[in-house]
PDB file of N, CA and C in Angstrom:
ATOM      1  N   MET A   1     -17.855 -17.729 -43.824  1.00  0.00           N
ATOM      2  CA  MET A   1     -17.411 -16.467 -43.251  1.00  0.00           C
ATOM      3  C   MET A   1     -18.033 -15.286 -43.994  1.00  0.00           C
ATOM      4  N   GLN A   2     -18.040 -15.354 -45.308  1.00  0.00           N
ATOM      5  CA  GLN A   2     -18.602 -14.250 -46.097  1.00  0.00           C
ATOM      6  C   GLN A   2     -20.089 -14.077 -45.809  1.00  0.00           C
ATOM      7  N   GLN A   3     -20.795 -15.203 -45.628  1.00  0.00           N
ATOM      8  CA  GLN A   3     -22.222 -15.148 -45.320  1.00  0.00           C
ATOM      9  C   GLN A   3     -22.445 -14.484 -43.959  1.00  0.00           C
ATOM     10  N   SER A   4     -21.577 -14.770 -43.003  1.00  0.00           N
ATOM     11  CA  SER A   4     -21.682 -14.144 -41.678  1.00  0.00           C
ATOM     12  C   SER A   4     -21.555 -12.636 -41.794  1.00  0.00           C
ATOM     13  N   LEU A   5     -20.563 -12.179 -42.539  1.00  0.00           N
ATOM     14  CA  LEU A   5     -20.367 -10.733 -42.711  1.00  0.00           C
ATOM     15  C   LEU A   5     -21.536 -10.085 -43.443  1.00  0.00           C
ATOM     16  N   GLU A   6     -22.125 -10.807 -44.376  1.00  0.00           N
ATOM     17  CA  GLU A   6     -23.304 -10.281 -45.075  1.00  0.00           C
ATOM     18  C   GLU A   6     -24.454 -10.077 -44.090  1.00  0.00           C
ATOM     19  N   LYS A   7     -24.674 -11.038 -43.208  1.00  0.00           N
ATOM     20  CA  LYS A   7     -25.718 -10.898 -42.188  1.00  0.00           C
ATOM     21  C   LYS A   7     -25.437  -9.705 -41.287  1.00  0.00           C
ATOM     22  N   VAL A   8     -24.192  -9.569 -40.879  1.00  0.00           N
ATOM     23  CA  VAL A   8     -23.809  -8.461 -40.006  1.00  0.00           C
ATOM     24  C   VAL A   8     -24.066  -7.130 -40.708  1.00  0.00           C
ATOM     25  N   ARG A   9     -23.671  -7.033 -41.971  1.00  0.00           N
ATOM     26  CA  ARG A   9     -23.867  -5.798 -42.734  1.00  0.00           C
ATOM     27  C   ARG A   9     -25.356  -5.464 -42.838  1.00  0.00           C
ATOM     28  N   LEU A  10     -26.176  -6.464 -43.140  1.00  0.00           N
ATOM     29  CA  LEU A  10     -27.619  -6.245 -43.253  1.00  0.00           C
ATOM     30  C   LEU A  10     -28.224  -5.801 -41.923  1.00  0.00           C
ATOM     31  N   ALA A  11     -27.811  -6.455 -40.848  1.00  0.00           N
ATOM     32  CA  ALA A  11     -28.334  -6.089 -39.523  1.00  0.00           C
ATOM     33  C   ALA A  11     -27.918  -4.667 -39.159  1.00  0.00           C
ATOM     34  N   TYR A  12     -26.666  -4.327 -39.432  1.00  0.00           N
ATOM     35  CA  TYR A  12     -26.172  -2.979 -39.136  1.00  0.00           C
ATOM     36  C   TYR A  12     -26.989  -1.940 -39.903  1.00  0.00           C
ATOM     37  N   GLU A  13     -27.183  -2.197 -41.193  1.00  0.00           N
ATOM     38  CA  GLU A  13     -27.965  -1.264 -42.012  1.00  0.00           C
ATOM     39  C   GLU A  13     -29.390  -1.121 -41.478  1.00  0.00           C
ATOM     40  N   ALA A  14     -29.996  -2.239 -41.077  1.00  0.00           N
ATOM     41  CA  ALA A  14     -31.369  -2.202 -40.554  1.00  0.00           C
ATOM     42  C   ALA A  14     -31.446  -1.379 -39.276  1.00  0.00           C
ATOM     43  N   LEU A  15     -30.462  -1.555 -38.412  1.00  0.00           N
ATOM     44  CA  LEU A  15     -30.418  -0.772 -37.167  1.00  0.00           C
ATOM     45  C   LEU A  15     -30.205   0.707 -37.460  1.00  0.00           C
ATOM     46  N   GLU A  16     -29.330   0.982 -38.385  1.00  0.00           N
ATOM     47  CA  GLU A  16     -29.034   2.372 -38.749  1.00  0.00           C
ATOM     48  C   GLU A  16     -30.244   3.051 -39.400  1.00  0.00           C
ATOM     49  N   GLU A  17     -30.972   2.320 -40.235  1.00  0.00           N
ATOM     50  CA  GLU A  17     -32.152   2.874 -40.912  1.00  0.00           C
ATOM     51  C   GLU A  17     -33.207   3.341 -39.917  1.00  0.00           C
ATOM     52  N   LYS A  18     -33.301   2.680 -38.784  1.00  0.00           N
ATOM     53  CA  LYS A  18     -34.282   3.047 -37.760  1.00  0.00           C
ATOM     54  C   LYS A  18     -33.657   3.884 -36.642  1.00  0.00           C
ATOM     55  N   LYS A  19     -32.506   4.455 -36.942  1.00  0.00           N
ATOM     56  CA  LYS A  19     -31.825   5.379 -36.017  1.00  0.00           C
ATOM     57  C   LYS A  19     -31.402   4.716 -34.704  1.00  0.00           C
ATOM     58  N   GLY A  20     -30.960   3.455 -34.801  1.00  0.00           N
ATOM     59  CA  GLY A  20     -30.407   2.783 -33.630  1.00  0.00           C
ATOM     60  C   GLY A  20     -29.209   3.560 -33.108  1.00  0.00           C
ATOM     61  N   GLU A  21     -29.062   3.586 -31.815  1.00  0.00           N
ATOM     62  CA  GLU A  21     -27.994   4.361 -31.193  1.00  0.00           C
ATOM     63  C   GLU A  21     -26.827   3.457 -30.796  1.00  0.00           C
ATOM     64  N   ASP A  22     -25.618   3.999 -30.930  1.00  0.00           N
ATOM     65  CA  ASP A  22     -24.389   3.335 -30.489  1.00  0.00           C
ATOM     66  C   ASP A  22     -24.311   1.892 -30.986  1.00  0.00           C
ATOM     67  N   ILE A  23     -24.427   1.716 -32.296  1.00  0.00           N
ATOM     68  CA  ILE A  23     -24.358   0.383 -32.890  1.00  0.00           C
ATOM     69  C   ILE A  23     -22.907  -0.097 -32.823  1.00  0.00           C
ATOM     70  N   GLN A  24     -22.715  -1.263 -32.217  1.00  0.00           N
ATOM     71  CA  GLN A  24     -21.373  -1.831 -32.094  1.00  0.00           C
ATOM     72  C   GLN A  24     -21.373  -3.257 -32.605  1.00  0.00           C
ATOM     73  N   VAL A  25     -20.332  -3.583 -33.366  1.00  0.00           N
ATOM     74  CA  VAL A  25     -20.137  -4.937 -33.866  1.00  0.00           C
ATOM     75  C   VAL A  25     -18.827  -5.443 -33.294  1.00  0.00           C
ATOM     76  N   ILE A  26     -18.869  -6.639 -32.690  1.00  0.00           N
ATOM     77  CA  ILE A  26     -17.670  -7.230 -32.118  1.00  0.00           C
ATOM     78  C   ILE A  26     -17.487  -8.625 -32.719  1.00  0.00           C
ATOM     79  N   ASP A  27     -16.303  -8.870 -33.248  1.00  0.00           N
ATOM     80  CA  ASP A  27     -15.931 -10.180 -33.777  1.00  0.00           C
ATOM     81  C   ASP A  27     -15.490 -11.024 -32.590  1.00  0.00           C
ATOM     82  N   ILE A  28     -16.256 -12.084 -32.289  1.00  0.00           N
ATOM     83  CA  ILE A  28     -15.959 -12.912 -31.112  1.00  0.00           C
ATOM     84  C   ILE A  28     -15.590 -14.345 -31.482  1.00  0.00           C
ATOM     85  N   LYS A  29     -15.396 -14.610 -32.771  1.00  0.00           N
ATOM     86  CA  LYS A  29     -15.178 -15.995 -33.197  1.00  0.00           C
ATOM     87  C   LYS A  29     -13.907 -16.617 -32.645  1.00  0.00           C
ATOM     88  N   ASP A  30     -12.911 -15.808 -32.296  1.00  0.00           N
ATOM     89  CA  ASP A  30     -11.667 -16.353 -31.746  1.00  0.00           C
ATOM     90  C   ASP A  30     -11.700 -16.541 -30.237  1.00  0.00           C
ATOM     91  N   ILE A  31     -12.796 -16.097 -29.586  1.00  0.00           N
ATOM     92  CA  ILE A  31     -12.832 -16.209 -28.121  1.00  0.00           C
ATOM     93  C   ILE A  31     -13.996 -17.045 -27.591  1.00  0.00           C
ATOM     94  N   THR A  32     -14.907 -17.469 -28.488  1.00  0.00           N
ATOM     95  CA  THR A  32     -16.037 -18.290 -28.045  1.00  0.00           C
ATOM     96  C   THR A  32     -16.573 -19.115 -29.212  1.00  0.00           C
ATOM     97  N   VAL A  33     -17.298 -20.161 -28.888  1.00  0.00           N
ATOM     98  CA  VAL A  33     -17.912 -20.987 -29.926  1.00  0.00           C
ATOM     99  C   VAL A  33     -19.399 -20.670 -30.105  1.00  0.00           C
ATOM    100  N   ILE A  34     -19.934 -19.773 -29.296  1.00  0.00           N
ATOM    101  CA  ILE A  34     -21.378 -19.518 -29.360  1.00  0.00           C
ATOM    102  C   ILE A  34     -21.809 -18.764 -30.611  1.00  0.00           C
ATOM    103  N   SER A  35     -20.915 -17.959 -31.173  1.00  0.00           N
ATOM    104  CA  SER A  35     -21.251 -17.166 -32.347  1.00  0.00           C
ATOM    105  C   SER A  35     -19.981 -16.537 -32.910  1.00  0.00           C
ATOM    106  N   ASP A  36     -20.090 -15.969 -34.100  1.00  0.00           N
ATOM    107  CA  ASP A  36     -18.949 -15.272 -34.701  1.00  0.00           C
ATOM    108  C   ASP A  36     -18.977 -13.775 -34.434  1.00  0.00           C
ATOM    109  N   TYR A  37     -20.200 -13.215 -34.432  1.00  0.00           N
ATOM    110  CA  TYR A  37     -20.337 -11.769 -34.265  1.00  0.00           C
ATOM    111  C   TYR A  37     -21.423 -11.442 -33.253  1.00  0.00           C
ATOM    112  N   PHE A  38     -21.191 -10.371 -32.566  1.00  0.00           N
ATOM    113  CA  PHE A  38     -22.086  -9.842 -31.537  1.00  0.00           C
ATOM    114  C   PHE A  38     -22.387  -8.409 -31.957  1.00  0.00           C
ATOM    115  N   ILE A  39     -23.646  -8.077 -32.105  1.00  0.00           N
ATOM    116  CA  ILE A  39     -24.046  -6.709 -32.462  1.00  0.00           C
ATOM    117  C   ILE A  39     -24.938  -6.185 -31.347  1.00  0.00           C
ATOM    118  N   SER A  40     -24.681  -4.966 -30.924  1.00  0.00           N
ATOM    119  CA  SER A  40     -25.553  -4.354 -29.931  1.00  0.00           C
ATOM    120  C   SER A  40     -25.900  -2.941 -30.360  1.00  0.00           C
ATOM    121  N   ALA A  41     -27.106  -2.557 -29.993  1.00  0.00           N
ATOM    122  CA  ALA A  41     -27.591  -1.201 -30.278  1.00  0.00           C
ATOM    123  C   ALA A  41     -28.670  -0.907 -29.262  1.00  0.00           C
ATOM    124  N   ASN A  42     -28.997   0.358 -29.136  1.00  0.00           N
ATOM    125  CA  ASN A  42     -30.102   0.691 -28.254  1.00  0.00           C
ATOM    126  C   ASN A  42     -31.017   1.706 -28.923  1.00  0.00           C
ATOM    127  N   GLY A  43     -32.241   1.693 -28.417  1.00  0.00           N
ATOM    128  CA  GLY A  43     -33.234   2.657 -28.844  1.00  0.00           C
ATOM    129  C   GLY A  43     -33.497   3.623 -27.706  1.00  0.00           C
ATOM    130  N   SER A  44     -34.081   4.752 -28.029  1.00  0.00           N
ATOM    131  CA  SER A  44     -34.311   5.772 -27.010  1.00  0.00           C
ATOM    132  C   SER A  44     -35.608   5.548 -26.229  1.00  0.00           C
ATOM    133  N   ASN A  45     -36.475   4.653 -26.740  1.00  0.00           N
ATOM    134  CA  ASN A  45     -37.724   4.331 -26.034  1.00  0.00           C
ATOM    135  C   ASN A  45     -38.213   2.963 -26.501  1.00  0.00           C
ATOM    136  N   SER A  46     -39.254   2.454 -25.862  1.00  0.00           N
ATOM    137  CA  SER A  46     -39.719   1.098 -26.173  1.00  0.00           C
ATOM    138  C   SER A  46     -40.234   0.966 -27.609  1.00  0.00           C
ATOM    139  N   LEU A  47     -40.839   2.003 -28.133  1.00  0.00           N
ATOM    140  CA  LEU A  47     -41.314   1.941 -29.516  1.00  0.00           C
ATOM    141  C   LEU A  47     -40.156   1.832 -30.496  1.00  0.00           C
ATOM    142  N   GLN A  48     -39.081   2.544 -30.206  1.00  0.00           N
ATOM    143  CA  GLN A  48     -37.923   2.455 -31.089  1.00  0.00           C
ATOM    144  C   GLN A  48     -37.246   1.086 -30.965  1.00  0.00           C
ATOM    145  N   VAL A  49     -37.189   0.535 -29.772  1.00  0.00           N
ATOM    146  CA  VAL A  49     -36.631  -0.810 -29.590  1.00  0.00           C
ATOM    147  C   VAL A  49     -37.416  -1.794 -30.457  1.00  0.00           C
ATOM    148  N   GLU A  50     -38.734  -1.722 -30.424  1.00  0.00           N
ATOM    149  CA  GLU A  50     -39.576  -2.585 -31.254  1.00  0.00           C
ATOM    150  C   GLU A  50     -39.291  -2.367 -32.733  1.00  0.00           C
ATOM    151  N   ALA A  51     -39.168  -1.112 -33.153  1.00  0.00           N
ATOM    152  CA  ALA A  51     -38.899  -0.802 -34.562  1.00  0.00           C
ATOM    153  C   ALA A  51     -37.540  -1.353 -34.990  1.00  0.00           C
ATOM    154  N   LEU A  52     -36.544  -1.266 -34.119  1.00  0.00           N
ATOM    155  CA  LEU A  52     -35.214  -1.791 -34.436  1.00  0.00           C
ATOM    156  C   LEU A  52     -35.263  -3.305 -34.636  1.00  0.00           C
ATOM    157  N   VAL A  53     -35.938  -4.002 -33.734  1.00  0.00           N
ATOM    158  CA  VAL A  53     -36.065  -5.456 -33.828  1.00  0.00           C
ATOM    159  C   VAL A  53     -36.795  -5.839 -35.114  1.00  0.00           C
ATOM    160  N   ASP A  54     -37.902  -5.174 -35.404  1.00  0.00           N
ATOM    161  CA  ASP A  54     -38.664  -5.465 -36.622  1.00  0.00           C
ATOM    162  C   ASP A  54     -37.835  -5.197 -37.869  1.00  0.00           C
ATOM    163  N   SER A  55     -37.075  -4.122 -37.852  1.00  0.00           N
ATOM    164  CA  SER A  55     -36.257  -3.760 -39.006  1.00  0.00           C
ATOM    165  C   SER A  55     -35.195  -4.825 -39.288  1.00  0.00           C
ATOM    166  N   VAL A  56     -34.514  -5.281 -38.244  1.00  0.00           N
ATOM    167  CA  VAL A  56     -33.495  -6.325 -38.415  1.00  0.00           C
ATOM    168  C   VAL A  56     -34.145  -7.607 -38.927  1.00  0.00           C
ATOM    169  N   LYS A  57     -35.220  -8.011 -38.278  1.00  0.00           N
ATOM    170  CA  LYS A  57     -35.901  -9.253 -38.657  1.00  0.00           C
ATOM    171  C   LYS A  57     -36.371  -9.194 -40.109  1.00  0.00           C
ATOM    172  N   ASP A  58     -36.990  -8.081 -40.498  1.00  0.00           N
ATOM    173  CA  ASP A  58     -37.510  -7.942 -41.857  1.00  0.00           C
ATOM    174  C   ASP A  58     -36.401  -7.921 -42.903  1.00  0.00           C
ATOM    175  N   LYS A  59     -35.363  -7.148 -42.660  1.00  0.00           N
ATOM    176  CA  LYS A  59     -34.282  -7.020 -43.645  1.00  0.00           C
ATOM    177  C   LYS A  59     -33.554  -8.348 -43.831  1.00  0.00           C
ATOM    178  N   LEU A  60     -33.276  -9.031 -42.740  1.00  0.00           N
ATOM    179  CA  LEU A  60     -32.595 -10.317 -42.857  1.00  0.00           C
ATOM    180  C   LEU A  60     -33.506 -11.356 -43.514  1.00  0.00           C
ATOM    181  N   SER A  61     -34.774 -11.354 -43.160  1.00  0.00           N
ATOM    182  CA  SER A  61     -35.731 -12.301 -43.747  1.00  0.00           C
ATOM    183  C   SER A  61     -35.851 -12.093 -45.256  1.00  0.00           C
ATOM    184  N   MET A  62     -35.893 -10.835 -45.700  1.00  0.00           N
ATOM    185  CA  MET A  62     -35.971 -10.537 -47.136  1.00  0.00           C
ATOM    186  C   MET A  62     -34.750 -11.060 -47.894  1.00  0.00           C
ATOM    187  N   ASN A  63     -33.654 -11.278 -47.165  1.00  0.00           N
ATOM    188  CA  ASN A  63     -32.436 -11.772 -47.787  1.00  0.00           C
ATOM    189  C   ASN A  63     -32.191 -13.252 -47.487  1.00  0.00           C
ATOM    190  N   GLY A  64     -33.226 -13.919 -46.985  1.00  0.00           N
ATOM    191  CA  GLY A  64     -33.147 -15.358 -46.795  1.00  0.00           C
ATOM    192  C   GLY A  64     -32.601 -15.835 -45.463  1.00  0.00           C
ATOM    193  N   TYR A  65     -32.491 -14.935 -44.488  1.00  0.00           N
ATOM    194  CA  TYR A  65     -31.960 -15.305 -43.176  1.00  0.00           C
ATOM    195  C   TYR A  65     -33.041 -15.157 -42.108  1.00  0.00           C
ATOM    196  N   ASP A  66     -33.365 -16.262 -41.480  1.00  0.00           N
ATOM    197  CA  ASP A  66     -34.348 -16.228 -40.402  1.00  0.00           C
ATOM    198  C   ASP A  66     -33.661 -16.549 -39.084  1.00  0.00           C
ATOM    199  N   PRO A  67     -34.119 -15.951 -37.997  1.00  0.00           N
ATOM    200  CA  PRO A  67     -33.468 -16.192 -36.703  1.00  0.00           C
ATOM    201  C   PRO A  67     -33.715 -17.602 -36.202  1.00  0.00           C
ATOM    202  N   ASP A  68     -32.726 -18.145 -35.501  1.00  0.00           N
ATOM    203  CA  ASP A  68     -32.923 -19.424 -34.819  1.00  0.00           C
ATOM    204  C   ASP A  68     -33.918 -19.225 -33.684  1.00  0.00           C
ATOM    205  N   ARG A  69     -33.801 -18.080 -33.029  1.00  0.00           N
ATOM    206  CA  ARG A  69     -34.765 -17.729 -31.972  1.00  0.00           C
ATOM    207  C   ARG A  69     -34.652 -16.234 -31.654  1.00  0.00           C
ATOM    208  N   ILE A  70     -35.721 -15.733 -31.090  1.00  0.00           N
ATOM    209  CA  ILE A  70     -35.753 -14.364 -30.577  1.00  0.00           C
ATOM    210  C   ILE A  70     -36.249 -14.463 -29.152  1.00  0.00           C
ATOM    211  N   GLU A  71     -35.509 -13.861 -28.244  1.00  0.00           N
ATOM    212  CA  GLU A  71     -35.879 -13.930 -26.828  1.00  0.00           C
ATOM    213  C   GLU A  71     -36.011 -12.534 -26.255  1.00  0.00           C
ATOM    214  N   GLY A  72     -36.880 -12.434 -25.261  1.00  0.00           N
ATOM    215  CA  GLY A  72     -37.104 -11.152 -24.610  1.00  0.00           C
ATOM    216  C   GLY A  72     -38.462 -10.604 -24.970  1.00  0.00           C
ATOM    217  N   VAL A  73     -39.038  -9.935 -24.042  1.00  0.00           N
ATOM    218  CA  VAL A  73     -40.313  -9.281 -24.264  1.00  0.00           C
ATOM    219  C   VAL A  73     -39.996  -7.862 -24.714  1.00  0.00           C
ATOM    220  N   ARG A  74     -40.563  -7.456 -25.800  1.00  0.00           N
ATOM    221  CA  ARG A  74     -40.210  -6.153 -26.373  1.00  0.00           C
ATOM    222  C   ARG A  74     -40.326  -5.020 -25.364  1.00  0.00           C
ATOM    223  N   SER A  75     -41.287  -5.107 -24.488  1.00  0.00           N
ATOM    224  CA  SER A  75     -41.444  -4.037 -23.503  1.00  0.00           C
ATOM    225  C   SER A  75     -40.425  -4.140 -22.367  1.00  0.00           C
ATOM    226  N   ALA A  76     -39.677  -5.255 -22.326  1.00  0.00           N
ATOM    227  CA  ALA A  76     -38.716  -5.458 -21.241  1.00  0.00           C
ATOM    228  C   ALA A  76     -37.445  -4.644 -21.437  1.00  0.00           C
ATOM    229  N   GLY A  77     -37.174  -4.227 -22.647  1.00  0.00           N
ATOM    230  CA  GLY A  77     -36.001  -3.388 -22.874  1.00  0.00           C
ATOM    231  C   GLY A  77     -34.754  -4.115 -23.309  1.00  0.00           C
ATOM    232  N   TRP A  78     -34.843  -5.428 -23.552  1.00  0.00           N
ATOM    233  CA  TRP A  78     -33.691  -6.164 -24.063  1.00  0.00           C
ATOM    234  C   TRP A  78     -34.193  -7.325 -24.900  1.00  0.00           C
ATOM    235  N   ILE A  79     -33.897  -7.312 -26.171  1.00  0.00           N
ATOM    236  CA  ILE A  79     -34.290  -8.365 -27.092  1.00  0.00           C
ATOM    237  C   ILE A  79     -33.018  -8.987 -27.672  1.00  0.00           C
ATOM    238  N   LEU A  80     -32.941 -10.303 -27.641  1.00  0.00           N
ATOM    239  CA  LEU A  80     -31.831 -11.045 -28.213  1.00  0.00           C
ATOM    240  C   LEU A  80     -32.335 -11.739 -29.468  1.00  0.00           C
ATOM    241  N   MET A  81     -31.618 -11.536 -30.566  1.00  0.00           N
ATOM    242  CA  MET A  81     -31.965 -12.170 -31.838  1.00  0.00           C
ATOM    243  C   MET A  81     -30.797 -13.068 -32.230  1.00  0.00           C
ATOM    244  N   ASP A  82     -31.027 -14.370 -32.215  1.00  0.00           N
ATOM    245  CA  ASP A  82     -29.971 -15.348 -32.469  1.00  0.00           C
ATOM    246  C   ASP A  82     -30.056 -15.847 -33.902  1.00  0.00           C
ATOM    247  N   TYR A  83     -29.037 -15.510 -34.686  1.00  0.00           N
ATOM    248  CA  TYR A  83     -28.950 -15.963 -36.068  1.00  0.00           C
ATOM    249  C   TYR A  83     -27.828 -16.990 -36.240  1.00  0.00           C
ATOM    250  N   GLY A  84     -27.468 -17.662 -35.164  1.00  0.00           N
ATOM    251  CA  GLY A  84     -26.416 -18.668 -35.215  1.00  0.00           C
ATOM    252  C   GLY A  84     -25.038 -18.045 -35.184  1.00  0.00           C
ATOM    253  N   ASP A  85     -24.558 -17.621 -36.324  1.00  0.00           N
ATOM    254  CA  ASP A  85     -23.224 -17.026 -36.398  1.00  0.00           C
ATOM    255  C   ASP A  85     -23.216 -15.535 -36.055  1.00  0.00           C
ATOM    256  N   MET A  86     -24.395 -14.993 -35.746  1.00  0.00           N
ATOM    257  CA  MET A  86     -24.507 -13.587 -35.363  1.00  0.00           C
ATOM    258  C   MET A  86     -25.600 -13.461 -34.307  1.00  0.00           C
ATOM    259  N   ILE A  87     -25.298 -12.732 -33.260  1.00  0.00           N
ATOM    260  CA  ILE A  87     -26.299 -12.461 -32.221  1.00  0.00           C
ATOM    261  C   ILE A  87     -26.494 -10.948 -32.150  1.00  0.00           C
ATOM    262  N   VAL A  88     -27.744 -10.530 -32.244  1.00  0.00           N
ATOM    263  CA  VAL A  88     -28.084  -9.113 -32.184  1.00  0.00           C
ATOM    264  C   VAL A  88     -28.797  -8.851 -30.860  1.00  0.00           C
ATOM    265  N   HIS A  89     -28.298  -7.867 -30.122  1.00  0.00           N
ATOM    266  CA  HIS A  89     -28.928  -7.434 -28.876  1.00  0.00           C
ATOM    267  C   HIS A  89     -29.459  -6.020 -29.097  1.00  0.00           C
ATOM    268  N   VAL A  90     -30.739  -5.832 -28.844  1.00  0.00           N
ATOM    269  CA  VAL A  90     -31.337  -4.500 -28.933  1.00  0.00           C
ATOM    270  C   VAL A  90     -31.854  -4.160 -27.538  1.00  0.00           C
ATOM    271  N   PHE A  91     -31.374  -3.050 -27.024  1.00  0.00           N
ATOM    272  CA  PHE A  91     -31.657  -2.637 -25.652  1.00  0.00           C
ATOM    273  C   PHE A  91     -32.380  -1.303 -25.592  1.00  0.00           C
ATOM    274  N   SER A  92     -32.996  -1.066 -24.451  1.00  0.00           N
ATOM    275  CA  SER A  92     -33.334   0.306 -24.070  1.00  0.00           C
ATOM    276  C   SER A  92     -32.026   0.905 -23.568  1.00  0.00           C
ATOM    277  N   LYS A  93     -31.922   2.213 -23.528  1.00  0.00           N
ATOM    278  CA  LYS A  93     -30.694   2.857 -23.032  1.00  0.00           C
ATOM    279  C   LYS A  93     -30.352   2.394 -21.622  1.00  0.00           C
ATOM    280  N   GLU A  94     -31.364   2.365 -20.777  1.00  0.00           N
ATOM    281  CA  GLU A  94     -31.140   2.029 -19.370  1.00  0.00           C
ATOM    282  C   GLU A  94     -30.637   0.605 -19.202  1.00  0.00           C
ATOM    283  N   ASP A  95     -31.258  -0.338 -19.916  1.00  0.00           N
ATOM    284  CA  ASP A  95     -30.847  -1.735 -19.797  1.00  0.00           C
ATOM    285  C   ASP A  95     -29.456  -1.958 -20.376  1.00  0.00           C
ATOM    286  N   ARG A  96     -29.142  -1.264 -21.435  1.00  0.00           N
ATOM    287  CA  ARG A  96     -27.804  -1.424 -22.010  1.00  0.00           C
ATOM    288  C   ARG A  96     -26.739  -0.958 -21.029  1.00  0.00           C
ATOM    289  N   LEU A  97     -26.970   0.167 -20.391  1.00  0.00           N
ATOM    290  CA  LEU A  97     -26.014   0.651 -19.391  1.00  0.00           C
ATOM    291  C   LEU A  97     -25.929  -0.300 -18.208  1.00  0.00           C
ATOM    292  N   PHE A  98     -27.053  -0.834 -17.779  1.00  0.00           N
ATOM    293  CA  PHE A  98     -27.084  -1.724 -16.622  1.00  0.00           C
ATOM    294  C   PHE A  98     -26.329  -3.029 -16.894  1.00  0.00           C
ATOM    295  N   TYR A  99     -26.611  -3.679 -18.029  1.00  0.00           N
ATOM    296  CA  TYR A  99     -26.011  -4.985 -18.311  1.00  0.00           C
ATOM    297  C   TYR A  99     -24.590  -4.880 -18.880  1.00  0.00           C
ATOM    298  N   ASN A 100     -24.304  -3.823 -19.620  1.00  0.00           N
ATOM    299  CA  ASN A 100     -22.967  -3.563 -20.162  1.00  0.00           C
ATOM    300  C   ASN A 100     -22.321  -4.815 -20.756  1.00  0.00           C
ATOM    301  N   LEU A 101     -23.021  -5.464 -21.674  1.00  0.00           N
ATOM    302  CA  LEU A 101     -22.523  -6.701 -22.270  1.00  0.00           C
ATOM    303  C   LEU A 101     -21.216  -6.532 -23.036  1.00  0.00           C
ATOM    304  N   GLU A 102     -20.991  -5.353 -23.582  1.00  0.00           N
ATOM    305  CA  GLU A 102     -19.751  -5.133 -24.327  1.00  0.00           C
ATOM    306  C   GLU A 102     -18.529  -5.376 -23.444  1.00  0.00           C
ATOM    307  N   ARG A 103     -18.668  -5.136 -22.158  1.00  0.00           N
ATOM    308  CA  ARG A 103     -17.567  -5.375 -21.220  1.00  0.00           C
ATOM    309  C   ARG A 103     -17.185  -6.853 -21.214  1.00  0.00           C
ATOM    310  N   MET A 104     -18.184  -7.729 -21.290  1.00  0.00           N
ATOM    311  CA  MET A 104     -17.922  -9.175 -21.309  1.00  0.00           C
ATOM    312  C   MET A 104     -17.117  -9.597 -22.527  1.00  0.00           C
ATOM    313  N   TRP A 105     -17.311  -8.913 -23.627  1.00  0.00           N
ATOM    314  CA  TRP A 105     -16.689  -9.290 -24.895  1.00  0.00           C
ATOM    315  C   TRP A 105     -15.546  -8.357 -25.276  1.00  0.00           C
ATOM    316  N   ARG A 106     -14.943  -7.713 -24.306  1.00  0.00           N
ATOM    317  CA  ARG A 106     -13.884  -6.746 -24.604  1.00  0.00           C
ATOM    318  C   ARG A 106     -12.648  -7.379 -25.241  1.00  0.00           C
ATOM    319  N   ASP A 107     -12.493  -8.702 -25.145  1.00  0.00           N
ATOM    320  CA  ASP A 107     -11.379  -9.376 -25.806  1.00  0.00           C
ATOM    321  C   ASP A 107     -11.649  -9.611 -27.287  1.00  0.00           C
ATOM    322  N   GLY A 108     -12.866  -9.345 -27.721  1.00  0.00           N
ATOM    323  CA  GLY A 108     -13.198  -9.463 -29.138  1.00  0.00           C
ATOM    324  C   GLY A 108     -12.645  -8.276 -29.916  1.00  0.00           C
ATOM    325  N   LYS A 109     -12.755  -8.373 -31.226  1.00  0.00           N
ATOM    326  CA  LYS A 109     -12.258  -7.310 -32.105  1.00  0.00           C
ATOM    327  C   LYS A 109     -13.431  -6.439 -32.564  1.00  0.00           C
ATOM    328  N   ILE A 110     -13.312  -5.147 -32.364  1.00  0.00           N
ATOM    329  CA  ILE A 110     -14.327  -4.215 -32.845  1.00  0.00           C
ATOM    330  C   ILE A 110     -14.280  -4.193 -34.375  1.00  0.00           C
ATOM    331  N   VAL A 111     -15.447  -4.303 -34.991  1.00  0.00           N
ATOM    332  CA  VAL A 111     -15.546  -4.262 -36.446  1.00  0.00           C
ATOM    333  C   VAL A 111     -16.124  -2.900 -36.826  1.00  0.00           C
ATOM    334  N   SER A 112     -15.376  -2.160 -37.603  1.00  0.00           N
ATOM    335  CA  SER A 112     -15.824  -0.820 -37.994  1.00  0.00           C
ATOM    336  C   SER A 112     -16.887  -0.882 -39.080  1.00  0.00           C
ATOM    337  N   LYS A 113     -17.628   0.173 -39.169  1.00  0.00           N
ATOM    338  CA  LYS A 113     -18.644   0.327 -40.215  1.00  0.00           C
ATOM    339  C   LYS A 113     -17.984   0.232 -41.585  1.00  0.00           C
ATOM    340  N   GLU A 114     -16.819   0.815 -41.726  1.00  0.00           N
ATOM    341  CA  GLU A 114     -16.088   0.802 -42.990  1.00  0.00           C
ATOM    342  C   GLU A 114     -15.670  -0.626 -43.379  1.00  0.00           C
ATOM    343  N   ALA A 115     -15.283  -1.424 -42.391  1.00  0.00           N
ATOM    344  CA  ALA A 115     -14.881  -2.806 -42.656  1.00  0.00           C
ATOM    345  C   ALA A 115     -16.059  -3.633 -43.175  1.00  0.00           C
ATOM    346  N   LEU A 116     -17.275  -3.199 -42.847  1.00  0.00           N
ATOM    347  CA  LEU A 116     -18.473  -3.875 -43.322  1.00  0.00           C
ATOM    348  C   LEU A 116     -18.881  -3.395 -44.712  1.00  0.00           C
ATOM    349  N   GLY A 117     -18.203  -2.376 -45.207  1.00  0.00           N
ATOM    350  CA  GLY A 117     -18.521  -1.828 -46.529  1.00  0.00           C
ATOM    351  C   GLY A 117     -19.735  -0.939 -46.536  1.00  0.00           C
ATOM    352  N   ILE A 118     -19.992  -0.305 -45.393  1.00  0.00           N
ATOM    353  CA  ILE A 118     -21.168   0.581 -45.280  1.00  0.00           C
ATOM    354  C   ILE A 118     -20.697   2.022 -45.334  1.00  0.00           C
TER     355      ILE A 118
END
């Protein structure tokens, strides 16, 4: 559990460092077996989406965490980064509004920035 929160904290910081917008962390471990945490953020353009993905990947890799897989074409506007116990979704603004994934996970618990120790 502590390792999961460490990954979440690192991913949040990486997204914040690159000015990710509307970063949300949802604890979903009590409602699904697919993962413990769901993180979503969006960038204002395709270059920022790419920078956000690179920032998360680099920061987690420097701390010994590599993704199980990364899906999505960076220019498509939605990238999924699967770290097993944490899934990071990076969207363009338009795609985030269209898919509204947070609605699917509304039964999860919102994790505040303060709870992550940031």
